[in-house]
Structures are given as structure tokens and as C-alpha cells.
């Protein structure tokens, strides 16, 4: 089978400098965490609002 790979690579084991995406990674982490907290907070708020009018079960109170 013929080798059709056309791009050249440096010597084996050579280190190629890449720009760090650490800032983007942390921004995504923070934005993702805030989105999850907002979503969970909304679910809890809506659930509490839905069940606010119901009376607790007989054994639930101390």
C-alpha cells in the first residue's frame, strides 16, 4: 500500500510549542459550573413552589 501521507513532521520525539488554552479551559469550567448551579437552583425553586400548598404527611412533623 502506498503512503499517501503528505505533511512532514519533525524528528521523532521533537517538542512542538503549542499555545496554551488554559484560560479558555478555566472560563469554560466556571461558566459550566455557574450554568449548573443556575439550573439546579431553578429546579429547586420551581419544585418548592409547586409543593408549597400541600400539607405535610402525618409522620413528617416532629
C-alpha atoms as a PDB file:
ATOM      1  CA  UNK A   1       0.000   0.000   0.000  1.00  0.00           C
ATOM      2  CA  UNK A   2       1.389   3.395  -0.967  1.00  0.00           C
ATOM      3  CA  UNK A   3       1.995   6.052   1.684  1.00  0.00           C
ATOM      4  CA  UNK A   4      -0.292   8.999   0.884  1.00  0.00           C
ATOM      5  CA  UNK A   5       0.618  10.996   3.985  1.00  0.00           C
ATOM      6  CA  UNK A   6       1.905  14.339   2.716  1.00  0.00           C
ATOM      7  CA  UNK A   7       2.690  16.527   5.715  1.00  0.00           C
ATOM      8  CA  UNK A   8       6.113  16.423   7.181  1.00  0.00           C
ATOM      9  CA  UNK A   9       6.791  16.046  10.855  1.00  0.00           C
ATOM     10  CA  UNK A  10       9.855  16.986  12.839  1.00  0.00           C
ATOM     11  CA  UNK A  11      12.223  14.370  14.173  1.00  0.00           C
ATOM     12  CA  UNK A  12      10.614  11.711  16.343  1.00  0.00           C
ATOM     13  CA  UNK A  13      10.199  12.956  19.902  1.00  0.00           C
ATOM     14  CA  UNK A  14      10.688  16.619  18.977  1.00  0.00           C
ATOM     15  CA  UNK A  15       8.734  19.053  21.134  1.00  0.00           C
ATOM     16  CA  UNK A  16       6.443  21.333  19.179  1.00  0.00           C
ATOM     17  CA  UNK A  17       5.418  24.508  21.007  1.00  0.00           C
ATOM     18  CA  UNK A  18       1.639  24.944  21.275  1.00  0.00           C
ATOM     19  CA  UNK A  19      -0.294  27.869  22.671  1.00  0.00           C
ATOM     20  CA  UNK A  20      -1.904  27.126  25.990  1.00  0.00           C
ATOM     21  CA  UNK A  21      -5.693  27.072  26.129  1.00  0.00           C
ATOM     22  CA  UNK A  22      -5.683  27.119  29.920  1.00  0.00           C
ATOM     23  CA  UNK A  23      -7.603  30.422  30.083  1.00  0.00           C
ATOM     24  CA  UNK A  24     -10.345  29.082  27.833  1.00  0.00           C
ATOM     25  CA  UNK A  25     -10.475  25.870  29.836  1.00  0.00           C
ATOM     26  CA  UNK A  26     -10.947  27.722  33.124  1.00  0.00           C
ATOM     27  CA  UNK A  27     -13.530  30.043  31.583  1.00  0.00           C
ATOM     28  CA  UNK A  28     -15.478  27.024  30.349  1.00  0.00           C
ATOM     29  CA  UNK A  29     -15.207  25.396  33.762  1.00  0.00           C
ATOM     30  CA  UNK A  30     -16.510  28.492  35.555  1.00  0.00           C
ATOM     31  CA  UNK A  31     -19.293  29.143  33.047  1.00  0.00           C
ATOM     32  CA  UNK A  32     -20.318  25.474  33.133  1.00  0.00           C
ATOM     33  CA  UNK A  33     -20.391  25.422  36.940  1.00  0.00           C
ATOM     34  CA  UNK A  34     -22.469  28.610  37.069  1.00  0.00           C
ATOM     35  CA  UNK A  35     -24.882  27.231  34.477  1.00  0.00           C
ATOM     36  CA  UNK A  36     -25.330  24.026  36.501  1.00  0.00           C
ATOM     37  CA  UNK A  37     -25.918  25.978  39.714  1.00  0.00           C
ATOM     38  CA  UNK A  38     -28.449  28.197  37.975  1.00  0.00           C
ATOM     39  CA  UNK A  39     -30.230  25.182  36.501  1.00  0.00           C
ATOM     40  CA  UNK A  40     -30.345  23.295  39.812  1.00  0.00           C
ATOM     41  CA  UNK A  41     -31.457  26.399  41.710  1.00  0.00           C
ATOM     42  CA  UNK A  42     -34.277  26.927  39.219  1.00  0.00           C
ATOM     43  CA  UNK A  43     -35.398  23.296  39.546  1.00  0.00           C
ATOM     44  CA  UNK A  44     -35.429  23.504  43.361  1.00  0.00           C
ATOM     45  CA  UNK A  45     -37.309  26.829  43.314  1.00  0.00           C
ATOM     46  CA  UNK A  46     -39.948  25.544  40.885  1.00  0.00           C
ATOM     47  CA  UNK A  47     -40.358  22.285  42.818  1.00  0.00           C
ATOM     48  CA  UNK A  48     -40.760  24.120  46.128  1.00  0.00           C
ATOM     49  CA  UNK A  49     -43.290  26.479  44.563  1.00  0.00           C
ATOM     50  CA  UNK A  50     -45.254  23.531  43.169  1.00  0.00           C
ATOM     51  CA  UNK A  51     -45.481  21.716  46.518  1.00  0.00           C
ATOM     52  CA  UNK A  52     -45.858  24.801  48.755  1.00  0.00           C
ATOM     53  CA  UNK A  53     -49.648  24.440  49.076  1.00  0.00           C
ATOM     54  CA  UNK A  54     -49.555  20.760  50.092  1.00  0.00           C
ATOM     55  CA  UNK A  55     -49.780  19.759  53.720  1.00  0.00           C
ATOM     56  CA  UNK A  56     -47.016  17.564  55.134  1.00  0.00           C
ATOM     57  CA  UNK A  57     -47.735  13.887  55.769  1.00  0.00           C
ATOM     58  CA  UNK A  58     -48.860  12.867  59.264  1.00  0.00           C
ATOM     59  CA  UNK A  59     -45.491  11.406  60.283  1.00  0.00           C
ATOM     60  CA  UNK A  60     -43.386  14.176  58.756  1.00  0.00           C
ATOM     61  CA  UNK A  61     -43.658  16.701  61.604  1.00  0.00           C
ATOM     62  CA  UNK A  62     -41.693  16.332  64.824  1.00  0.00           C
END
